[in-house]
């Protein structure tokens, strides 16, 4: 775990470069030495409360959506492919996918389709794995 902390806190290309907080559960792998190494670069370790399964319910729901709607249908062929899949899914999730918790609206609508009078057409992402419907301009 010390080597993992060294990799995370590397001054050139460490993942935690410029980050102020690291949220972690109470796994015994996150030892005092690990947390101390994070603190030396200014990243404060925030440990989650014990036995708190619903603490990250929104993040867990998002991960489940990614698995069910995207990664369950495509086999990533490497890290770059996985990153591209996730980038496309996040764009779809925020700008094209309806959310029942938001009164069946989109998180970040790109334009106002309420006044459009054109045909409804189906659009695709990721070769048809993700589909959504949109009005064409009149």
C-alpha atoms as a PDB file:
ATOM      1  CA  UNK A   1       0.000   0.000   0.000  1.00  0.00           C
ATOM      2  CA  UNK A   2       2.956   2.312   0.523  1.00  0.00           C
ATOM      3  CA  UNK A   3       3.865   1.886  -3.150  1.00  0.00           C
ATOM      4  CA  UNK A   4       0.281   2.649  -4.117  1.00  0.00           C
ATOM      5  CA  UNK A   5       0.434   5.833  -2.030  1.00  0.00           C
ATOM      6  CA  UNK A   6       3.716   6.784  -3.716  1.00  0.00           C
ATOM      7  CA  UNK A   7       2.136   6.308  -7.141  1.00  0.00           C
ATOM      8  CA  UNK A   8      -0.945   8.319  -6.191  1.00  0.00           C
ATOM      9  CA  UNK A   9       1.097  11.196  -4.785  1.00  0.00           C
ATOM     10  CA  UNK A  10       3.798  11.356  -7.459  1.00  0.00           C
ATOM     11  CA  UNK A  11       4.750  14.999  -8.075  1.00  0.00           C
ATOM     12  CA  UNK A  12       4.791  14.603 -11.863  1.00  0.00           C
ATOM     13  CA  UNK A  13       1.758  12.512 -12.794  1.00  0.00           C
ATOM     14  CA  UNK A  14       0.152  11.341  -9.564  1.00  0.00           C
ATOM     15  CA  UNK A  15      -3.614  10.923  -9.594  1.00  0.00           C
ATOM     16  CA  UNK A  16      -3.970  12.950  -6.398  1.00  0.00           C
ATOM     17  CA  UNK A  17      -1.917  15.864  -7.702  1.00  0.00           C
ATOM     18  CA  UNK A  18      -3.739  19.012  -6.589  1.00  0.00           C
ATOM     19  CA  UNK A  19      -6.512  17.127  -4.746  1.00  0.00           C
ATOM     20  CA  UNK A  20      -7.384  18.186  -1.214  1.00  0.00           C
ATOM     21  CA  UNK A  21      -9.472  15.251   0.035  1.00  0.00           C
ATOM     22  CA  UNK A  22      -9.445  11.478  -0.360  1.00  0.00           C
ATOM     23  CA  UNK A  23     -12.620   9.678   0.711  1.00  0.00           C
ATOM     24  CA  UNK A  24     -11.991   6.108   1.815  1.00  0.00           C
ATOM     25  CA  UNK A  25     -13.843   3.375   3.624  1.00  0.00           C
ATOM     26  CA  UNK A  26     -12.559   1.567   6.685  1.00  0.00           C
ATOM     27  CA  UNK A  27     -10.691  -1.153   4.821  1.00  0.00           C
ATOM     28  CA  UNK A  28      -7.655  -2.292   6.844  1.00  0.00           C
ATOM     29  CA  UNK A  29      -5.499  -1.737   3.742  1.00  0.00           C
ATOM     30  CA  UNK A  30      -5.717   2.015   4.369  1.00  0.00           C
ATOM     31  CA  UNK A  31      -3.181   1.950   7.206  1.00  0.00           C
ATOM     32  CA  UNK A  32      -1.865   4.859   9.253  1.00  0.00           C
ATOM     33  CA  UNK A  33       1.281   4.878   7.096  1.00  0.00           C
ATOM     34  CA  UNK A  34      -0.846   5.134   3.932  1.00  0.00           C
ATOM     35  CA  UNK A  35      -2.882   8.031   5.328  1.00  0.00           C
ATOM     36  CA  UNK A  36       0.305   9.761   6.540  1.00  0.00           C
ATOM     37  CA  UNK A  37       1.806   9.582   3.037  1.00  0.00           C
ATOM     38  CA  UNK A  38      -1.328  11.197   1.648  1.00  0.00           C
ATOM     39  CA  UNK A  39      -1.139  13.927   4.269  1.00  0.00           C
ATOM     40  CA  UNK A  40       2.455  14.796   3.299  1.00  0.00           C
ATOM     41  CA  UNK A  41       1.212  16.066  -0.081  1.00  0.00           C
ATOM     42  CA  UNK A  42      -1.732  17.944   1.438  1.00  0.00           C
ATOM     43  CA  UNK A  43      -4.488  15.408   0.742  1.00  0.00           C
ATOM     44  CA  UNK A  44      -6.684  14.990   3.807  1.00  0.00           C
ATOM     45  CA  UNK A  45      -7.982  11.448   4.385  1.00  0.00           C
ATOM     46  CA  UNK A  46     -11.689  11.348   5.129  1.00  0.00           C
ATOM     47  CA  UNK A  47     -12.840   7.980   6.453  1.00  0.00           C
ATOM     48  CA  UNK A  48     -16.461   6.988   5.968  1.00  0.00           C
ATOM     49  CA  UNK A  49     -18.488   6.071   9.046  1.00  0.00           C
ATOM     50  CA  UNK A  50     -18.666   2.369   9.846  1.00  0.00           C
ATOM     51  CA  UNK A  51     -21.667   0.371   8.613  1.00  0.00           C
ATOM     52  CA  UNK A  52     -23.091   3.082   6.377  1.00  0.00           C
ATOM     53  CA  UNK A  53     -24.351   1.286   3.257  1.00  0.00           C
ATOM     54  CA  UNK A  54     -26.517   4.156   1.992  1.00  0.00           C
ATOM     55  CA  UNK A  55     -23.929   6.854   2.472  1.00  0.00           C
ATOM     56  CA  UNK A  56     -22.985   6.909  -1.191  1.00  0.00           C
ATOM     57  CA  UNK A  57     -26.362   5.924  -2.617  1.00  0.00           C
ATOM     58  CA  UNK A  58     -26.187   8.393  -5.536  1.00  0.00           C
ATOM     59  CA  UNK A  59     -22.707   7.282  -6.581  1.00  0.00           C
ATOM     60  CA  UNK A  60     -23.664   3.615  -6.236  1.00  0.00           C
ATOM     61  CA  UNK A  61     -26.769   4.170  -8.377  1.00  0.00           C
ATOM     62  CA  UNK A  62     -24.696   5.875 -11.061  1.00  0.00           C
ATOM     63  CA  UNK A  63     -22.188   3.013 -11.091  1.00  0.00           C
ATOM     64  CA  UNK A  64     -25.063   0.544 -11.412  1.00  0.00           C
ATOM     65  CA  UNK A  65     -26.476   2.531 -14.339  1.00  0.00           C
ATOM     66  CA  UNK A  66     -23.086   2.525 -16.088  1.00  0.00           C
ATOM     67  CA  UNK A  67     -22.751  -1.228 -15.608  1.00  0.00           C
ATOM     68  CA  UNK A  68     -26.282  -2.080 -16.722  1.00  0.00           C
ATOM     69  CA  UNK A  69     -26.685   0.317 -19.633  1.00  0.00           C
ATOM     70  CA  UNK A  70     -23.159   0.455 -21.030  1.00  0.00           C
ATOM     71  CA  UNK A  71     -20.520  -1.920 -19.700  1.00  0.00           C
ATOM     72  CA  UNK A  72     -22.891  -4.877 -19.590  1.00  0.00           C
ATOM     73  CA  UNK A  73     -23.266  -4.634 -23.377  1.00  0.00           C
ATOM     74  CA  UNK A  74     -19.733  -3.744 -24.491  1.00  0.00           C
ATOM     75  CA  UNK A  75     -16.416  -5.425 -23.716  1.00  0.00           C
ATOM     76  CA  UNK A  76     -13.723  -2.750 -23.236  1.00  0.00           C
ATOM     77  CA  UNK A  77     -10.599  -3.547 -25.241  1.00  0.00           C
ATOM     78  CA  UNK A  78      -8.186  -1.636 -23.038  1.00  0.00           C
ATOM     79  CA  UNK A  79      -7.965   1.407 -20.797  1.00  0.00           C
ATOM     80  CA  UNK A  80      -8.366   3.950 -23.612  1.00  0.00           C
ATOM     81  CA  UNK A  81     -11.445   2.163 -24.918  1.00  0.00           C
ATOM     82  CA  UNK A  82     -12.943   2.047 -21.412  1.00  0.00           C
ATOM     83  CA  UNK A  83     -12.297   5.771 -20.947  1.00  0.00           C
ATOM     84  CA  UNK A  84     -13.991   6.541 -24.284  1.00  0.00           C
ATOM     85  CA  UNK A  85     -16.986   4.364 -23.349  1.00  0.00           C
ATOM     86  CA  UNK A  86     -17.342   6.165 -20.019  1.00  0.00           C
ATOM     87  CA  UNK A  87     -16.914   9.603 -21.637  1.00  0.00           C
ATOM     88  CA  UNK A  88     -19.690   8.819 -24.119  1.00  0.00           C
ATOM     89  CA  UNK A  89     -21.939   7.374 -21.407  1.00  0.00           C
ATOM     90  CA  UNK A  90     -21.521  10.423 -19.146  1.00  0.00           C
ATOM     91  CA  UNK A  91     -22.385  12.740 -22.058  1.00  0.00           C
ATOM     92  CA  UNK A  92     -25.492  10.617 -22.727  1.00  0.00           C
ATOM     93  CA  UNK A  93     -26.386  10.473 -19.021  1.00  0.00           C
ATOM     94  CA  UNK A  94     -26.270  14.260 -18.583  1.00  0.00           C
ATOM     95  CA  UNK A  95     -27.584  15.583 -21.896  1.00  0.00           C
ATOM     96  CA  UNK A  96     -29.846  12.926 -23.418  1.00  0.00           C
ATOM     97  CA  UNK A  97     -31.184  10.489 -20.830  1.00  0.00           C
ATOM     98  CA  UNK A  98     -34.437  11.230 -18.969  1.00  0.00           C
ATOM     99  CA  UNK A  99     -34.312  10.913 -15.178  1.00  0.00           C
ATOM    100  CA  UNK A 100     -37.433   9.930 -13.269  1.00  0.00           C
ATOM    101  CA  UNK A 101     -36.164  11.624 -10.106  1.00  0.00           C
ATOM    102  CA  UNK A 102     -36.107  14.938 -12.019  1.00  0.00           C
ATOM    103  CA  UNK A 103     -39.710  14.725 -13.273  1.00  0.00           C
ATOM    104  CA  UNK A 104     -38.553  12.804 -16.359  1.00  0.00           C
ATOM    105  CA  UNK A 105     -36.304  15.636 -17.539  1.00  0.00           C
ATOM    106  CA  UNK A 106     -32.684  15.781 -18.640  1.00  0.00           C
ATOM    107  CA  UNK A 107     -29.951  16.960 -16.245  1.00  0.00           C
ATOM    108  CA  UNK A 108     -28.314  19.373 -18.721  1.00  0.00           C
ATOM    109  CA  UNK A 109     -30.671  20.051 -21.629  1.00  0.00           C
ATOM    110  CA  UNK A 110     -28.816  21.237 -24.742  1.00  0.00           C
ATOM    111  CA  UNK A 111     -31.721  23.161 -26.265  1.00  0.00           C
ATOM    112  CA  UNK A 112     -35.397  23.849 -25.691  1.00  0.00           C
ATOM    113  CA  UNK A 113     -37.292  21.123 -27.550  1.00  0.00           C
ATOM    114  CA  UNK A 114     -40.677  22.116 -26.126  1.00  0.00           C
ATOM    115  CA  UNK A 115     -41.395  24.501 -29.023  1.00  0.00           C
ATOM    116  CA  UNK A 116     -40.009  22.261 -31.783  1.00  0.00           C
ATOM    117  CA  UNK A 117     -42.525  20.948 -34.286  1.00  0.00           C
ATOM    118  CA  UNK A 118     -40.329  18.683 -36.425  1.00  0.00           C
ATOM    119  CA  UNK A 119     -40.330  14.898 -36.622  1.00  0.00           C
ATOM    120  CA  UNK A 120     -39.115  12.818 -33.720  1.00  0.00           C
ATOM    121  CA  UNK A 121     -35.972  10.916 -34.712  1.00  0.00           C
ATOM    122  CA  UNK A 122     -33.930   8.305 -32.936  1.00  0.00           C
ATOM    123  CA  UNK A 123     -30.262   9.126 -32.294  1.00  0.00           C
ATOM    124  CA  UNK A 124     -27.555   6.630 -31.353  1.00  0.00           C
ATOM    125  CA  UNK A 125     -24.384   6.605 -29.286  1.00  0.00           C
ATOM    126  CA  UNK A 126     -21.771   3.868 -29.049  1.00  0.00           C
ATOM    127  CA  UNK A 127     -22.949   2.186 -32.223  1.00  0.00           C
ATOM    128  CA  UNK A 128     -26.547   1.893 -31.076  1.00  0.00           C
ATOM    129  CA  UNK A 129     -25.915   0.635 -27.547  1.00  0.00           C
ATOM    130  CA  UNK A 130     -27.332   3.918 -26.214  1.00  0.00           C
ATOM    131  CA  UNK A 131     -30.375   5.394 -27.957  1.00  0.00           C
ATOM    132  CA  UNK A 132     -32.409   8.528 -27.388  1.00  0.00           C
ATOM    133  CA  UNK A 133     -35.118  10.469 -29.194  1.00  0.00           C
ATOM    134  CA  UNK A 134     -34.992  14.086 -30.293  1.00  0.00           C
ATOM    135  CA  UNK A 135     -37.079  16.459 -32.415  1.00  0.00           C
ATOM    136  CA  UNK A 136     -35.627  17.691 -35.679  1.00  0.00           C
ATOM    137  CA  UNK A 137     -35.767  21.376 -36.471  1.00  0.00           C
ATOM    138  CA  UNK A 138     -38.929  22.286 -38.401  1.00  0.00           C
END
